[in-house]
């Protein structure tokens, strides 16, 4: 049966704020209740390179398509441009 516990994360350690005696090997599910949650960084250089490459391709496509619009090029439904323009 789930039982809520209060903890604080400090210097890489979770410190219990609720009195509790957990048995060794007990499974704990962690829910973070903070607006200061930092998303994980991409630690694998291969994944970072792919993400950067995809972003660069999208930006180059947008730049090229904007230059070709006066010549009649129609990007059609362009979700990338819609996304970038909305942010």
Protein backbone atom coordinates (compact mmCIF):
# COMPACT_ATOMS: atom_id res chain seq x y z
CA UNK A 1 0.00 0.00 0.00
CA UNK A 2 1.51 3.39 -0.98
CA UNK A 3 2.54 5.66 1.83
CA UNK A 4 3.61 9.26 1.10
CA UNK A 5 6.96 10.39 2.45
CA UNK A 6 8.52 13.84 2.38
CA UNK A 7 12.13 14.07 1.28
CA UNK A 8 14.54 16.84 0.32
CA UNK A 9 17.23 16.39 -2.32
CA UNK A 10 20.51 17.90 -1.11
CA UNK A 11 24.04 17.36 -2.47
CA UNK A 12 23.06 14.26 -4.43
CA UNK A 13 21.21 12.61 -1.54
CA UNK A 14 17.53 12.27 -0.67
CA UNK A 15 17.01 13.18 2.99
CA UNK A 16 13.85 11.86 4.63
CA UNK A 17 11.72 14.50 6.34
CA UNK A 18 9.05 11.99 7.43
CA UNK A 19 9.88 9.41 10.11
CA UNK A 20 9.96 6.05 8.39
CA UNK A 21 11.89 2.80 8.62
CA UNK A 22 12.27 1.35 5.14
CA UNK A 23 13.39 -2.26 4.93
CA UNK A 24 16.55 -2.93 2.94
CA UNK A 25 15.71 -3.28 -0.75
CA UNK A 26 12.32 -1.55 -0.46
CA UNK A 27 11.05 -0.20 -3.78
CA UNK A 28 10.34 3.53 -3.72
CA UNK A 29 8.52 5.52 -6.39
CA UNK A 30 9.62 9.14 -6.56
CA UNK A 31 7.28 12.02 -7.51
CA UNK A 32 8.87 15.46 -7.81
CA UNK A 33 6.75 18.40 -6.69
CA UNK A 34 8.81 21.37 -7.80
CA UNK A 35 8.67 24.03 -10.48
CA UNK A 36 12.48 24.08 -10.51
CA UNK A 37 12.88 20.65 -12.12
CA UNK A 38 15.85 20.62 -14.49
CA UNK A 39 15.55 18.34 -17.53
CA UNK A 40 18.38 15.84 -17.96
CA UNK A 41 21.25 16.85 -20.19
CA UNK A 42 22.11 14.72 -23.19
CA UNK A 43 25.15 12.85 -21.92
CA UNK A 44 25.75 10.65 -24.96
CA UNK A 45 27.80 12.64 -27.52
CA UNK A 46 26.19 10.67 -30.36
CA UNK A 47 22.68 11.69 -29.29
CA UNK A 48 23.78 15.32 -28.94
CA UNK A 49 25.31 15.29 -32.42
CA UNK A 50 22.11 13.89 -33.94
CA UNK A 51 19.97 16.48 -32.14
CA UNK A 52 22.22 19.32 -33.32
CA UNK A 53 22.27 17.95 -36.87
CA UNK A 54 18.47 17.69 -37.02
CA UNK A 55 18.11 21.24 -35.70
CA UNK A 56 20.63 22.51 -38.27
CA UNK A 57 18.83 20.73 -41.11
CA UNK A 58 15.50 22.24 -40.04
CA UNK A 59 17.00 25.74 -39.87
CA UNK A 60 18.69 25.39 -43.25
CA UNK A 61 15.44 24.16 -44.80
CA UNK A 62 13.57 27.18 -43.45
CA UNK A 63 16.21 29.61 -44.65
CA UNK A 64 16.35 28.08 -48.13
CA UNK A 65 12.59 27.84 -48.51
CA UNK A 66 12.15 31.50 -47.52
CA UNK A 67 14.66 32.52 -50.21
CA UNK A 68 12.81 30.43 -52.82
CA UNK A 69 9.30 31.75 -52.04
CA UNK A 70 9.65 34.73 -54.45
CA UNK A 71 10.38 32.20 -57.21
CA UNK A 72 7.14 30.34 -56.56
CA UNK A 73 8.30 27.66 -54.12
CA UNK A 74 5.49 26.69 -51.77
CA UNK A 75 6.47 24.98 -48.53
CA UNK A 76 2.93 23.72 -48.08
CA UNK A 77 1.99 22.52 -44.60
CA UNK A 78 5.17 23.26 -42.73
CA UNK A 79 4.98 22.08 -39.14
CA UNK A 80 8.62 23.02 -38.49
CA UNK A 81 8.02 26.67 -39.37
CA UNK A 82 4.79 26.71 -37.37
CA UNK A 83 6.62 25.31 -34.36
CA UNK A 84 9.56 27.72 -34.60
CA UNK A 85 7.32 30.74 -35.17
CA UNK A 86 5.16 29.82 -32.16
CA UNK A 87 8.09 29.78 -29.71
